């Protein structure tokens, strides 16, 4: 991530930039289908709110990249 401040919120402008380090990281995680990908999929299908705190940020990030990018 280089010098990028990871404490900054992800904005629509970041989602629209395919060369931004945050967008690249989100797409790498999405494409490699890590173990939490299946958990996220199951949580979305069953509307499991217990997983919202841990999987919600990634779900929002991947939505932003796919919807806005």
PDB file of N, CA and C in Angstrom:
ATOM      1  N   UNK A   1       0.822  -1.185   0.000  1.00  0.00           N
ATOM      2  CA  UNK A   1       0.000   0.000   0.000  1.00  0.00           C
ATOM      3  C   UNK A   1       0.871   1.255   0.000  1.00  0.00           C
ATOM      4  N   UNK A   2       2.157   1.076   0.137  1.00  0.00           N
ATOM      5  CA  UNK A   2       3.066   2.217   0.054  1.00  0.00           C
ATOM      6  C   UNK A   2       2.814   3.240   1.138  1.00  0.00           C
ATOM      7  N   UNK A   3       2.730   4.501   0.751  1.00  0.00           N
ATOM      8  CA  UNK A   3       2.529   5.598   1.697  1.00  0.00           C
ATOM      9  C   UNK A   3       1.057   5.911   1.948  1.00  0.00           C
ATOM     10  N   UNK A   4       0.161   5.115   1.407  1.00  0.00           N
ATOM     11  CA  UNK A   4      -1.266   5.387   1.567  1.00  0.00           C
ATOM     12  C   UNK A   4      -1.673   5.206   3.024  1.00  0.00           C
ATOM     13  N   UNK A   5      -2.429   6.159   3.555  1.00  0.00           N
ATOM     14  CA  UNK A   5      -2.927   6.112   4.935  1.00  0.00           C
ATOM     15  C   UNK A   5      -4.171   5.225   4.974  1.00  0.00           C
ATOM     16  N   UNK A   6      -4.026   4.037   5.516  1.00  0.00           N
ATOM     17  CA  UNK A   6      -5.129   3.072   5.519  1.00  0.00           C
ATOM     18  C   UNK A   6      -6.265   3.472   6.458  1.00  0.00           C
ATOM     19  N   UNK A   7      -6.078   4.504   7.245  1.00  0.00           N
ATOM     20  CA  UNK A   7      -7.136   4.976   8.140  1.00  0.00           C
ATOM     21  C   UNK A   7      -8.094   5.942   7.460  1.00  0.00           C
ATOM     22  N   UNK A   8      -7.824   6.318   6.227  1.00  0.00           N
ATOM     23  CA  UNK A   8      -8.699   7.206   5.476  1.00  0.00           C
ATOM     24  C   UNK A   8      -9.878   6.410   4.923  1.00  0.00           C
ATOM     25  N   UNK A   9     -11.070   7.007   4.899  1.00  0.00           N
ATOM     26  CA  UNK A   9     -12.223   6.292   4.321  1.00  0.00           C
ATOM     27  C   UNK A   9     -12.051   6.085   2.818  1.00  0.00           C
ATOM     28  N   UNK A  10     -12.653   5.026   2.327  1.00  0.00           N
ATOM     29  CA  UNK A  10     -12.619   4.754   0.894  1.00  0.00           C
ATOM     30  C   UNK A  10     -13.732   5.571   0.245  1.00  0.00           C
ATOM     31  N   UNK A  11     -13.376   6.351  -0.740  1.00  0.00           N
ATOM     32  CA  UNK A  11     -14.343   7.223  -1.402  1.00  0.00           C
ATOM     33  C   UNK A  11     -14.691   6.684  -2.792  1.00  0.00           C
ATOM     34  N   UNK A  12     -15.726   7.241  -3.372  1.00  0.00           N
ATOM     35  CA  UNK A  12     -16.112   6.863  -4.733  1.00  0.00           C
ATOM     36  C   UNK A  12     -14.995   7.120  -5.728  1.00  0.00           C
ATOM     37  N   UNK A  13     -14.216   8.163  -5.494  1.00  0.00           N
ATOM     38  CA  UNK A  13     -13.100   8.480  -6.388  1.00  0.00           C
ATOM     39  C   UNK A  13     -12.075   7.346  -6.381  1.00  0.00           C
ATOM     40  N   UNK A  14     -11.842   6.748  -5.226  1.00  0.00           N
ATOM     41  CA  UNK A  14     -10.904   5.620  -5.126  1.00  0.00           C
ATOM     42  C   UNK A  14     -11.450   4.428  -5.907  1.00  0.00           C
ATOM     43  N   UNK A  15     -12.743   4.135  -5.747  1.00  0.00           N
ATOM     44  CA  UNK A  15     -13.347   3.005  -6.457  1.00  0.00           C
ATOM     45  C   UNK A  15     -13.242   3.163  -7.970  1.00  0.00           C
ATOM     46  N   UNK A  16     -13.304   4.401  -8.442  1.00  0.00           N
ATOM     47  CA  UNK A  16     -13.256   4.657  -9.878  1.00  0.00           C
ATOM     48  C   UNK A  16     -11.851   4.585 -10.464  1.00  0.00           C
ATOM     49  N   UNK A  17     -10.836   4.563  -9.611  1.00  0.00           N
ATOM     50  CA  UNK A  17      -9.445   4.548 -10.071  1.00  0.00           C
ATOM     51  C   UNK A  17      -8.901   3.126 -10.043  1.00  0.00           C
ATOM     52  N   UNK A  18      -8.800   2.455 -11.197  1.00  0.00           N
ATOM     53  CA  UNK A  18      -8.315   1.068 -11.207  1.00  0.00           C
ATOM     54  C   UNK A  18      -6.847   0.934 -10.806  1.00  0.00           C
ATOM     55  N   UNK A  19      -6.120   2.030 -10.780  1.00  0.00           N
ATOM     56  CA  UNK A  19      -4.709   1.986 -10.406  1.00  0.00           C
ATOM     57  C   UNK A  19      -4.450   2.383  -8.961  1.00  0.00           C
ATOM     58  N   UNK A  20      -5.504   2.695  -8.222  1.00  0.00           N
ATOM     59  CA  UNK A  20      -5.336   3.060  -6.811  1.00  0.00           C
ATOM     60  C   UNK A  20      -4.969   1.802  -6.020  1.00  0.00           C
ATOM     61  N   UNK A  21      -4.045   1.910  -5.054  1.00  0.00           N
ATOM     62  CA  UNK A  21      -3.632   0.718  -4.305  1.00  0.00           C
ATOM     63  C   UNK A  21      -4.771   0.038  -3.549  1.00  0.00           C
ATOM     64  N   UNK A  22      -5.744   0.811  -3.080  1.00  0.00           N
ATOM     65  CA  UNK A  22      -6.879   0.210  -2.369  1.00  0.00           C
ATOM     66  C   UNK A  22      -7.715  -0.628  -3.334  1.00  0.00           C
ATOM     67  N   UNK A  23      -8.005  -0.083  -4.511  1.00  0.00           N
ATOM     68  CA  UNK A  23      -8.783  -0.806  -5.502  1.00  0.00           C
ATOM     69  C   UNK A  23      -8.055  -2.073  -5.929  1.00  0.00           C
ATOM     70  N   UNK A  24      -6.770  -1.971  -6.123  1.00  0.00           N
ATOM     71  CA  UNK A  24      -5.989  -3.154  -6.508  1.00  0.00           C
ATOM     72  C   UNK A  24      -6.046  -4.226  -5.433  1.00  0.00           C
ATOM     73  N   UNK A  25      -5.913  -3.823  -4.171  1.00  0.00           N
ATOM     74  CA  UNK A  25      -5.962  -4.789  -3.074  1.00  0.00           C
ATOM     75  C   UNK A  25      -7.325  -5.467  -3.002  1.00  0.00           C
ATOM     76  N   UNK A  26      -8.386  -4.696  -3.123  1.00  0.00           N
ATOM     77  CA  UNK A  26      -9.742  -5.258  -3.082  1.00  0.00           C
ATOM     78  C   UNK A  26      -9.930  -6.277  -4.196  1.00  0.00           C
ATOM     79  N   UNK A  27      -9.488  -5.944  -5.393  1.00  0.00           N
ATOM     80  CA  UNK A  27      -9.643  -6.861  -6.524  1.00  0.00           C
ATOM     81  C   UNK A  27      -8.762  -8.096  -6.396  1.00  0.00           C
ATOM     82  N   UNK A  28      -7.585  -7.946  -5.834  1.00  0.00           N
ATOM     83  CA  UNK A  28      -6.723  -9.120  -5.602  1.00  0.00           C
ATOM     84  C   UNK A  28      -7.393 -10.067  -4.623  1.00  0.00           C
ATOM     85  N   UNK A  29      -7.912  -9.526  -3.517  1.00  0.00           N
ATOM     86  CA  UNK A  29      -8.585 -10.370  -2.531  1.00  0.00           C
ATOM     87  C   UNK A  29      -9.818 -11.038  -3.137  1.00  0.00           C
ATOM     88  N   UNK A  30     -10.555 -10.309  -3.945  1.00  0.00           N
ATOM     89  CA  UNK A  30     -11.749 -10.860  -4.585  1.00  0.00           C
ATOM     90  C   UNK A  30     -11.388 -11.971  -5.563  1.00  0.00           C
ATOM     91  N   UNK A  31     -10.330 -11.769  -6.336  1.00  0.00           N
ATOM     92  CA  UNK A  31      -9.996 -12.735  -7.379  1.00  0.00           C
ATOM     93  C   UNK A  31      -9.356 -14.008  -6.843  1.00  0.00           C
ATOM     94  N   UNK A  32      -8.711 -13.940  -5.691  1.00  0.00           N
ATOM     95  CA  UNK A  32      -8.067 -15.142  -5.168  1.00  0.00           C
ATOM     96  C   UNK A  32      -9.008 -15.996  -4.322  1.00  0.00           C
ATOM     97  N   UNK A  33     -10.215 -15.528  -4.127  1.00  0.00           N
ATOM     98  CA  UNK A  33     -11.229 -16.246  -3.368  1.00  0.00           C
ATOM     99  C   UNK A  33     -10.675 -16.781  -2.046  1.00  0.00           C
ATOM    100  N   UNK A  34     -10.319 -15.877  -1.131  1.00  0.00           N
ATOM    101  CA  UNK A  34      -9.798 -16.306   0.161  1.00  0.00           C
ATOM    102  C   UNK A  34     -10.880 -17.009   0.978  1.00  0.00           C
ATOM    103  N   UNK A  35     -10.502 -17.631   2.085  1.00  0.00           N
ATOM    104  CA  UNK A  35     -11.490 -18.380   2.878  1.00  0.00           C
ATOM    105  C   UNK A  35     -12.707 -17.556   3.292  1.00  0.00           C
ATOM    106  N   UNK A  36     -12.515 -16.265   3.540  1.00  0.00           N
ATOM    107  CA  UNK A  36     -13.660 -15.475   3.977  1.00  0.00           C
ATOM    108  C   UNK A  36     -14.638 -15.169   2.844  1.00  0.00           C
ATOM    109  N   UNK A  37     -14.246 -15.444   1.617  1.00  0.00           N
ATOM    110  CA  UNK A  37     -15.148 -15.220   0.481  1.00  0.00           C
ATOM    111  C   UNK A  37     -16.393 -16.106   0.629  1.00  0.00           C
ATOM    112  N   UNK A  38     -16.197 -17.371   0.954  1.00  0.00           N
ATOM    113  CA  UNK A  38     -17.335 -18.284   1.144  1.00  0.00           C
ATOM    114  C   UNK A  38     -18.176 -17.842   2.336  1.00  0.00           C
ATOM    115  N   UNK A  39     -17.515 -17.386   3.406  1.00  0.00           N
ATOM    116  CA  UNK A  39     -18.249 -16.892   4.572  1.00  0.00           C
ATOM    117  C   UNK A  39     -19.094 -15.671   4.210  1.00  0.00           C
ATOM    118  N   UNK A  40     -18.506 -14.779   3.417  1.00  0.00           N
ATOM    119  CA  UNK A  40     -19.235 -13.585   2.984  1.00  0.00           C
ATOM    120  C   UNK A  40     -20.441 -13.983   2.136  1.00  0.00           C
ATOM    121  N   UNK A  41     -20.243 -14.899   1.231  1.00  0.00           N
ATOM    122  CA  UNK A  41     -21.325 -15.361   0.369  1.00  0.00           C
ATOM    123  C   UNK A  41     -22.452 -15.973   1.200  1.00  0.00           C
ATOM    124  N   UNK A  42     -22.099 -16.829   2.151  1.00  0.00           N
ATOM    125  CA  UNK A  42     -23.112 -17.457   2.998  1.00  0.00           C
ATOM    126  C   UNK A  42     -23.829 -16.431   3.874  1.00  0.00           C
ATOM    127  N   UNK A  43     -23.077 -15.479   4.416  1.00  0.00           N
ATOM    128  CA  UNK A  43     -23.671 -14.450   5.269  1.00  0.00           C
ATOM    129  C   UNK A  43     -24.657 -13.590   4.471  1.00  0.00           C
ATOM    130  N   UNK A  44     -24.309 -13.290   3.237  1.00  0.00           N
ATOM    131  CA  UNK A  44     -25.214 -12.499   2.386  1.00  0.00           C
ATOM    132  C   UNK A  44     -26.475 -13.267   2.049  1.00  0.00           C
ATOM    133  N   UNK A  45     -26.318 -14.529   1.748  1.00  0.00           N
ATOM    134  CA  UNK A  45     -27.484 -15.336   1.385  1.00  0.00           C
ATOM    135  C   UNK A  45     -28.433 -15.541   2.558  1.00  0.00           C
ATOM    136  N   UNK A  46     -27.866 -15.726   3.765  1.00  0.00           N
ATOM    137  CA  UNK A  46     -28.703 -15.990   4.938  1.00  0.00           C
ATOM    138  C   UNK A  46     -29.013 -14.730   5.740  1.00  0.00           C
ATOM    139  N   UNK A  47     -28.502 -13.572   5.280  1.00  0.00           N
ATOM    140  CA  UNK A  47     -28.681 -12.296   5.975  1.00  0.00           C
ATOM    141  C   UNK A  47     -28.228 -12.387   7.432  1.00  0.00           C
ATOM    142  N   UNK A  48     -27.077 -13.015   7.644  1.00  0.00           N
ATOM    143  CA  UNK A  48     -26.502 -13.221   8.974  1.00  0.00           C
ATOM    144  C   UNK A  48     -25.852 -11.929   9.471  1.00  0.00           C
ATOM    145  N   UNK A  49     -26.558 -11.196  10.319  1.00  0.00           N
ATOM    146  CA  UNK A  49     -26.068  -9.916  10.825  1.00  0.00           C
ATOM    147  C   UNK A  49     -24.906 -10.069  11.808  1.00  0.00           C
ATOM    148  N   UNK A  50     -24.697 -11.258  12.328  1.00  0.00           N
ATOM    149  CA  UNK A  50     -23.592 -11.492  13.251  1.00  0.00           C
ATOM    150  C   UNK A  50     -22.239 -11.336  12.554  1.00  0.00           C
ATOM    151  N   UNK A  51     -22.217 -11.528  11.249  1.00  0.00           N
ATOM    152  CA  UNK A  51     -20.960 -11.424  10.498  1.00  0.00           C
ATOM    153  C   UNK A  51     -20.750 -10.033   9.903  1.00  0.00           C
ATOM    154  N   UNK A  52     -21.687  -9.138  10.153  1.00  0.00           N
ATOM    155  CA  UNK A  52     -21.630  -7.806   9.561  1.00  0.00           C
ATOM    156  C   UNK A  52     -20.389  -7.030   9.999  1.00  0.00           C
ATOM    157  N   UNK A  53     -20.022  -7.130  11.276  1.00  0.00           N
ATOM    158  CA  UNK A  53     -18.882  -6.366  11.791  1.00  0.00           C
ATOM    159  C   UNK A  53     -17.564  -6.800  11.148  1.00  0.00           C
ATOM    160  N   UNK A  54     -17.398  -8.079  10.893  1.00  0.00           N
ATOM    161  CA  UNK A  54     -16.136  -8.573  10.342  1.00  0.00           C
ATOM    162  C   UNK A  54     -16.117  -8.611   8.820  1.00  0.00           C
ATOM    163  N   UNK A  55     -17.215  -8.966   8.197  1.00  0.00           N
ATOM    164  CA  UNK A  55     -17.247  -9.098   6.742  1.00  0.00           C
ATOM    165  C   UNK A  55     -17.868  -7.900   6.032  1.00  0.00           C
ATOM    166  N   UNK A  56     -18.594  -7.086   6.768  1.00  0.00           N
ATOM    167  CA  UNK A  56     -19.273  -5.937   6.189  1.00  0.00           C
ATOM    168  C   UNK A  56     -18.358  -4.962   5.461  1.00  0.00           C
ATOM    169  N   UNK A  57     -17.212  -4.588   6.062  1.00  0.00           N
ATOM    170  CA  UNK A  57     -16.327  -3.649   5.364  1.00  0.00           C
ATOM    171  C   UNK A  57     -15.833  -4.178   4.014  1.00  0.00           C
ATOM    172  N   UNK A  58     -15.490  -5.458   3.950  1.00  0.00           N
ATOM    173  CA  UNK A  58     -15.051  -6.016   2.664  1.00  0.00           C
ATOM    174  C   UNK A  58     -16.218  -6.067   1.687  1.00  0.00           C
ATOM    175  N   UNK A  59     -17.396  -6.422   2.181  1.00  0.00           N
ATOM    176  CA  UNK A  59     -18.572  -6.469   1.307  1.00  0.00           C
ATOM    177  C   UNK A  59     -18.839  -5.094   0.706  1.00  0.00           C
ATOM    178  N   UNK A  60     -18.734  -4.056   1.522  1.00  0.00           N
ATOM    179  CA  UNK A  60     -18.949  -2.697   1.020  1.00  0.00           C
ATOM    180  C   UNK A  60     -17.865  -2.305   0.028  1.00  0.00           C
ATOM    181  N   UNK A  61     -16.636  -2.676   0.312  1.00  0.00           N
ATOM    182  CA  UNK A  61     -15.525  -2.334  -0.580  1.00  0.00           C
ATOM    183  C   UNK A  61     -15.663  -3.025  -1.931  1.00  0.00           C
ATOM    184  N   UNK A  62     -15.970  -4.300  -1.929  1.00  0.00           N
ATOM    185  CA  UNK A  62     -16.087  -5.005  -3.208  1.00  0.00           C
ATOM    186  C   UNK A  62     -17.320  -4.509  -3.972  1.00  0.00           C
ATOM    187  N   UNK A  63     -18.377  -4.168  -3.259  1.00  0.00           N
ATOM    188  CA  UNK A  63     -19.541  -3.579  -3.922  1.00  0.00           C
ATOM    189  C   UNK A  63     -19.155  -2.270  -4.599  1.00  0.00           C
ATOM    190  N   UNK A  64     -18.396  -1.434  -3.898  1.00  0.00           N
ATOM    191  CA  UNK A  64     -17.992  -0.153  -4.465  1.00  0.00           C
ATOM    192  C   UNK A  64     -17.156  -0.325  -5.725  1.00  0.00           C
ATOM    193  N   UNK A  65     -16.234  -1.268  -5.703  1.00  0.00           N
ATOM    194  CA  UNK A  65     -15.390  -1.494  -6.877  1.00  0.00           C
ATOM    195  C   UNK A  65     -16.204  -2.037  -8.042  1.00  0.00           C
ATOM    196  N   UNK A  66     -17.068  -3.002  -7.776  1.00  0.00           N
ATOM    197  CA  UNK A  66     -17.839  -3.618  -8.851  1.00  0.00           C
ATOM    198  C   UNK A  66     -18.952  -2.718  -9.367  1.00  0.00           C
ATOM    199  N   UNK A  67     -19.562  -1.940  -8.486  1.00  0.00           N
ATOM    200  CA  UNK A  67     -20.678  -1.091  -8.908  1.00  0.00           C
ATOM    201  C   UNK A  67     -20.194   0.208  -9.551  1.00  0.00           C
ATOM    202  N   UNK A  68     -19.120   0.777  -9.024  1.00  0.00           N
ATOM    203  CA  UNK A  68     -18.666   2.075  -9.514  1.00  0.00           C
ATOM    204  C   UNK A  68     -17.512   1.994 -10.514  1.00  0.00           C
ATOM    205  N   UNK A  69     -16.768   0.888 -10.456  1.00  0.00           N
ATOM    206  CA  UNK A  69     -15.557   0.783 -11.271  1.00  0.00           C
ATOM    207  C   UNK A  69     -15.786   0.413 -12.695  1.00  0.00           C
TER     208      UNK A  69
END
